[in-house]
Amino acid sequence: MSVDIEKALRKALRTGKVYLGSKRTIKALKKGEAKMVIIAMNCPKEIKEKIEKFNKSNVPVLVYNGTNMELGAMCGKPFSVAALAIIDPGESDILSEK
């Protein structure tokens, strides 16, 4: 069964705890808080490399099928989001998508 990423992410944003932005995502990975990372299709190479470097506990990294502007808009934000970290999925089943 495939989880609808957009729907699951919206639910996680509403009911759980999600850090938006590459700096907060990398910080969450360093601290071991992230349970999943989602990056935009056009996420800059250096951010992808940092995420790989700090992903010590092999947190699943999903590539969102859209640009950083589309990912930001999907999250209800008026700015681009290259990466985000799911800290607490809330009522979302997003973590079952690996």
Protein backbone atom coordinates (compact mmCIF):
# COMPACT_ATOMS: atom_id res chain seq x y z
CA MET A 1 0.00 0.00 0.00
CA SER A 2 1.40 3.34 -1.03
CA VAL A 3 0.85 6.35 1.18
CA ASP A 4 -0.19 9.59 -0.51
CA ILE A 5 2.87 11.67 0.43
CA GLU A 6 1.18 15.05 0.03
CA LYS A 7 -1.85 14.06 2.09
CA ALA A 8 0.29 12.37 4.76
CA LEU A 9 2.66 15.34 4.93
CA ARG A 10 -0.22 17.82 5.32
CA LYS A 11 -1.57 15.70 8.19
CA ALA A 12 1.90 15.54 9.80
CA LEU A 13 2.20 19.34 9.51
CA ARG A 14 -1.22 19.73 11.14
CA THR A 15 -1.02 17.12 13.90
CA GLY A 16 2.67 16.40 14.44
CA LYS A 17 5.99 18.22 14.48
CA VAL A 18 7.82 19.05 11.26
CA TYR A 19 10.92 21.22 10.84
CA LEU A 20 10.98 23.15 7.58
CA GLY A 21 14.21 24.26 5.92
CA SER A 22 17.57 22.66 5.29
CA LYS A 23 19.33 24.21 8.32
CA ARG A 24 16.73 22.91 10.79
CA THR A 25 16.60 19.56 8.98
CA ILE A 26 20.37 19.09 9.25
CA LYS A 27 20.28 20.20 12.91
CA ALA A 28 17.52 17.63 13.61
CA LEU A 29 19.62 14.91 11.93
CA LYS A 30 22.68 15.88 14.01
CA LYS A 31 20.61 15.65 17.21
CA GLY A 32 18.98 12.38 16.12
CA GLU A 33 15.47 13.92 16.27
CA ALA A 34 14.46 13.36 12.64
CA LYS A 35 12.40 10.25 11.86
CA MET A 36 12.22 11.02 8.13
CA VAL A 37 13.61 13.64 5.77
CA ILE A 38 11.88 14.89 2.62
CA ILE A 39 13.84 16.86 0.05
CA ALA A 40 12.63 18.68 -3.06
CA MET A 41 13.63 17.37 -6.50
CA ASN A 42 15.81 20.44 -7.04
CA CYS A 43 17.37 20.43 -3.55
CA PRO A 44 20.91 21.89 -3.89
CA LYS A 45 23.70 19.32 -4.12
CA GLU A 46 25.56 20.68 -1.08
CA ILE A 47 22.44 20.30 1.09
CA LYS A 48 21.92 16.72 -0.11
CA GLU A 49 25.56 15.98 0.76
CA LYS A 50 25.16 17.46 4.26
CA ILE A 51 21.98 15.43 4.81
CA GLU A 52 23.85 12.25 3.75
CA LYS A 53 26.79 13.15 5.99
CA PHE A 54 24.70 13.71 9.12
CA ASN A 55 22.22 10.88 8.51
CA LYS A 56 24.02 8.58 10.97
CA SER A 57 20.96 6.59 12.01
CA ASN A 58 19.89 5.95 8.39
CA VAL A 59 16.69 7.97 8.56
CA PRO A 60 14.65 7.43 5.36
CA VAL A 61 15.11 10.27 2.85
CA LEU A 62 12.26 10.75 0.38
CA VAL A 63 12.58 12.89 -2.73
CA TYR A 64 9.43 14.97 -3.23
CA ASN A 65 8.30 14.91 -6.84
CA GLY A 66 8.31 18.69 -7.20
CA THR A 67 10.48 21.77 -6.82
CA ASN A 68 11.35 23.54 -3.59
CA MET A 69 8.70 26.19 -4.40
CA GLU A 70 6.07 23.47 -4.87
CA LEU A 71 7.12 21.77 -1.63
CA GLY A 72 6.88 25.11 0.20
CA ALA A 73 3.44 25.79 -1.26
CA MET A 74 2.29 22.26 -0.35
CA CYS A 75 3.37 22.96 3.22
CA GLY A 76 1.26 26.13 3.12
CA LYS A 77 4.29 28.45 3.15
CA PRO A 78 4.91 31.43 0.84
CA PHE A 79 8.60 30.47 0.47
CA SER A 80 10.65 27.62 -0.93
CA VAL A 81 11.41 24.55 1.18
CA ALA A 82 14.35 22.48 -0.11
CA ALA A 83 14.27 20.04 2.82
CA LEU A 84 12.13 19.20 5.83
CA ALA A 85 12.39 16.79 8.74
CA ILE A 86 9.52 14.83 10.27
CA ILE A 87 10.14 14.87 14.02
CA ASP A 88 6.73 13.58 15.11
CA PRO A 89 4.30 12.30 12.47
CA GLY A 90 1.26 13.02 14.66
CA GLU A 91 -1.79 11.25 13.22
CA SER A 92 -0.08 10.87 9.83
CA ASP A 93 0.98 7.49 8.43
CA ILE A 94 3.87 9.09 6.52
CA LEU A 95 6.51 7.00 8.30
CA SER A 96 5.04 3.81 6.83
CA GLU A 97 6.28 5.07 3.42
CA LYS A 98 9.94 4.01 3.26
